[in-house]
Amino acid sequence: MSAVYSPMTRPDRRPFLLQLQARDLALLRGLFESRVMTAEHIAMIYFDGRSEAGKKRLQKLKAAGFVGERTRRAFQPSVLFLTRKGLGVLQAERCSCRVSGVQYAGA
């Protein structure tokens, strides 16, 4: 598996790189297949129920633009989805992805 890096901006405005891990790719694939997941679902499936670890990694994936979050009220659960950038990562990693009957396979 090749490393995928995405520049992110830290609070002090200096960019740093996020290296995607195998678990990140599995998470992106899971979001592709299910269309949406809550942060709690993601923590249970990909982080062995460790919600804080999942929350921290999701913050990085959202900041890098791989995962998006639907608008919600403060008391509602976070609903996450795969962005076009996240789909591009799956395609680059040669994951076979199908949307609405159209086959998207990595180049």
C-alpha atoms as a PDB file:
ATOM      1  CA  MET A   1       0.000   0.000   0.000  1.00  0.00           C
ATOM      2  CA  SER A   2       1.424   3.364  -0.942  1.00  0.00           C
ATOM      3  CA  ALA A   3       1.306   6.232   1.506  1.00  0.00           C
ATOM      4  CA  VAL A   4      -1.174   9.019   0.828  1.00  0.00           C
ATOM      5  CA  TYR A   5      -0.415  12.408   2.274  1.00  0.00           C
ATOM      6  CA  SER A   6      -2.686  15.380   2.611  1.00  0.00           C
ATOM      7  CA  PRO A   7      -1.567  18.833   3.701  1.00  0.00           C
ATOM      8  CA  MET A   8      -3.511  20.093   6.686  1.00  0.00           C
ATOM      9  CA  THR A   9      -3.435  23.436   8.436  1.00  0.00           C
ATOM     10  CA  ARG A  10      -2.673  23.549  12.127  1.00  0.00           C
ATOM     11  CA  PRO A  11      -3.993  26.299  14.402  1.00  0.00           C
ATOM     12  CA  ASP A  12      -0.701  28.167  13.988  1.00  0.00           C
ATOM     13  CA  ARG A  13      -1.306  28.015  10.189  1.00  0.00           C
ATOM     14  CA  ARG A  14       1.741  25.855   9.433  1.00  0.00           C
ATOM     15  CA  PRO A  15       0.812  22.886   7.208  1.00  0.00           C
ATOM     16  CA  PHE A  16       1.713  19.343   8.130  1.00  0.00           C
ATOM     17  CA  LEU A  17       1.124  16.036   6.401  1.00  0.00           C
ATOM     18  CA  LEU A  18      -1.359  13.332   7.353  1.00  0.00           C
ATOM     19  CA  GLN A  19      -0.243   9.854   6.350  1.00  0.00           C
ATOM     20  CA  LEU A  20      -3.213   7.568   5.806  1.00  0.00           C
ATOM     21  CA  GLN A  21      -3.020   4.239   7.609  1.00  0.00           C
ATOM     22  CA  ALA A  22      -4.581   0.940   6.556  1.00  0.00           C
ATOM     23  CA  ARG A  23      -7.328   1.545   9.129  1.00  0.00           C
ATOM     24  CA  ASP A  24      -8.070   4.931   7.537  1.00  0.00           C
ATOM     25  CA  LEU A  25      -8.507   3.290   4.137  1.00  0.00           C
ATOM     26  CA  ALA A  26     -10.797   0.661   5.688  1.00  0.00           C
ATOM     27  CA  LEU A  27     -12.802   3.451   7.329  1.00  0.00           C
ATOM     28  CA  LEU A  28     -13.102   5.342   4.022  1.00  0.00           C
ATOM     29  CA  ARG A  29     -14.186   2.129   2.294  1.00  0.00           C
ATOM     30  CA  GLY A  30     -16.780   1.547   5.034  1.00  0.00           C
ATOM     31  CA  LEU A  31     -18.146   5.057   4.560  1.00  0.00           C
ATOM     32  CA  PHE A  32     -18.331   4.447   0.816  1.00  0.00           C
ATOM     33  CA  GLU A  33     -20.262   1.217   1.304  1.00  0.00           C
ATOM     34  CA  SER A  34     -22.656   2.497   3.968  1.00  0.00           C
ATOM     35  CA  ARG A  35     -22.946   6.088   2.642  1.00  0.00           C
ATOM     36  CA  VAL A  36     -23.095   7.563   6.186  1.00  0.00           C
ATOM     37  CA  MET A  37     -22.043   6.542   9.705  1.00  0.00           C
ATOM     38  CA  THR A  38     -22.128   8.169  13.082  1.00  0.00           C
ATOM     39  CA  ALA A  39     -18.894   8.798  14.947  1.00  0.00           C
ATOM     40  CA  GLU A  40     -20.053   6.192  17.466  1.00  0.00           C
ATOM     41  CA  HIS A  41     -20.436   3.562  14.719  1.00  0.00           C
ATOM     42  CA  ILE A  42     -16.961   4.343  13.430  1.00  0.00           C
ATOM     43  CA  ALA A  43     -15.447   4.090  16.913  1.00  0.00           C
ATOM     44  CA  MET A  44     -17.081   0.704  17.490  1.00  0.00           C
ATOM     45  CA  ILE A  45     -16.085  -0.756  14.121  1.00  0.00           C
ATOM     46  CA  TYR A  46     -12.615   0.700  13.509  1.00  0.00           C
ATOM     47  CA  PHE A  47     -11.306   1.737  16.947  1.00  0.00           C
ATOM     48  CA  ASP A  48     -12.446  -1.179  19.153  1.00  0.00           C
ATOM     49  CA  GLY A  49     -14.985   1.059  20.886  1.00  0.00           C
ATOM     50  CA  ARG A  50     -12.389   3.650  21.921  1.00  0.00           C
ATOM     51  CA  SER A  51     -14.429   6.754  21.168  1.00  0.00           C
ATOM     52  CA  GLU A  52     -11.696   9.268  22.052  1.00  0.00           C
ATOM     53  CA  ALA A  53      -9.196   7.622  19.695  1.00  0.00           C
ATOM     54  CA  GLY A  54     -11.842   7.555  16.963  1.00  0.00           C
ATOM     55  CA  LYS A  55     -12.790  11.153  17.607  1.00  0.00           C
ATOM     56  CA  LYS A  56      -9.189  12.350  17.317  1.00  0.00           C
ATOM     57  CA  ARG A  57      -8.552  10.473  14.083  1.00  0.00           C
ATOM     58  CA  LEU A  58     -11.858  11.617  12.587  1.00  0.00           C
ATOM     59  CA  GLN A  59     -10.932  15.226  13.343  1.00  0.00           C
ATOM     60  CA  LYS A  60      -7.746  14.757  11.305  1.00  0.00           C
ATOM     61  CA  LEU A  61      -9.571  13.020   8.444  1.00  0.00           C
ATOM     62  CA  LYS A  62     -12.186  15.804   8.376  1.00  0.00           C
ATOM     63  CA  ALA A  63      -9.518  18.531   8.466  1.00  0.00           C
ATOM     64  CA  ALA A  64      -7.713  16.828   5.556  1.00  0.00           C
ATOM     65  CA  GLY A  65     -10.973  16.753   3.571  1.00  0.00           C
ATOM     66  CA  PHE A  66     -11.404  12.968   3.297  1.00  0.00           C
ATOM     67  CA  VAL A  67     -14.510  12.846   5.501  1.00  0.00           C
ATOM     68  CA  GLY A  68     -17.353  15.340   5.735  1.00  0.00           C
ATOM     69  CA  GLU A  69     -19.893  15.978   8.469  1.00  0.00           C
ATOM     70  CA  ARG A  70     -23.536  16.857   8.042  1.00  0.00           C
ATOM     71  CA  THR A  71     -24.839  19.972   9.731  1.00  0.00           C
ATOM     72  CA  ARG A  72     -26.393  19.121  13.084  1.00  0.00           C
ATOM     73  CA  ARG A  73     -27.509  20.565  16.377  1.00  0.00           C
ATOM     74  CA  ALA A  74     -25.263  20.282  19.420  1.00  0.00           C
ATOM     75  CA  PHE A  75     -27.228  17.402  20.970  1.00  0.00           C
ATOM     76  CA  GLN A  76     -27.474  15.338  17.773  1.00  0.00           C
ATOM     77  CA  PRO A  77     -24.949  12.640  16.865  1.00  0.00           C
ATOM     78  CA  SER A  78     -22.264  13.430  14.320  1.00  0.00           C
ATOM     79  CA  VAL A  79     -23.207  11.990  10.891  1.00  0.00           C
ATOM     80  CA  LEU A  80     -20.179  11.503   8.662  1.00  0.00           C
ATOM     81  CA  PHE A  81     -19.825  10.813   4.941  1.00  0.00           C
ATOM     82  CA  LEU A  82     -17.107  10.198   2.359  1.00  0.00           C
ATOM     83  CA  THR A  83     -16.104  13.280   0.368  1.00  0.00           C
ATOM     84  CA  ARG A  84     -14.995  13.356  -3.269  1.00  0.00           C
ATOM     85  CA  LYS A  85     -11.426  13.655  -2.034  1.00  0.00           C
ATOM     86  CA  GLY A  86     -11.931  10.496   0.047  1.00  0.00           C
ATOM     87  CA  LEU A  87     -13.343   8.705  -2.990  1.00  0.00           C
ATOM     88  CA  GLY A  88     -10.299   9.811  -4.948  1.00  0.00           C
ATOM     89  CA  VAL A  89      -8.067   8.153  -2.356  1.00  0.00           C
ATOM     90  CA  LEU A  90      -9.986   4.898  -2.716  1.00  0.00           C
ATOM     91  CA  GLN A  91      -9.650   5.095  -6.486  1.00  0.00           C
ATOM     92  CA  ALA A  92      -5.920   5.793  -6.202  1.00  0.00           C
ATOM     93  CA  GLU A  93      -5.536   2.778  -3.920  1.00  0.00           C
ATOM     94  CA  ARG A  94      -7.237   0.653  -6.585  1.00  0.00           C
ATOM     95  CA  CYS A  95     -10.319  -0.032  -4.504  1.00  0.00           C
ATOM     96  CA  SER A  96     -13.236  -1.053  -6.695  1.00  0.00           C
ATOM     97  CA  CYS A  97     -16.080   1.359  -5.955  1.00  0.00           C
ATOM     98  CA  ARG A  98     -19.552   1.434  -7.491  1.00  0.00           C
ATOM     99  CA  VAL A  99     -21.909   4.413  -7.199  1.00  0.00           C
ATOM    100  CA  SER A 100     -25.403   4.425  -8.712  1.00  0.00           C
ATOM    101  CA  GLY A 101     -24.557   1.620 -11.130  1.00  0.00           C
ATOM    102  CA  VAL A 102     -21.373   3.293 -12.370  1.00  0.00           C
ATOM    103  CA  GLN A 103     -18.107   1.465 -11.725  1.00  0.00           C
ATOM    104  CA  TYR A 104     -15.269   3.600 -10.335  1.00  0.00           C
ATOM    105  CA  ALA A 105     -12.046   1.626 -10.266  1.00  0.00           C
ATOM    106  CA  GLY A 106      -8.674   2.999  -9.301  1.00  0.00           C
ATOM    107  CA  ALA A 107      -6.379   3.881 -12.176  1.00  0.00           C
END
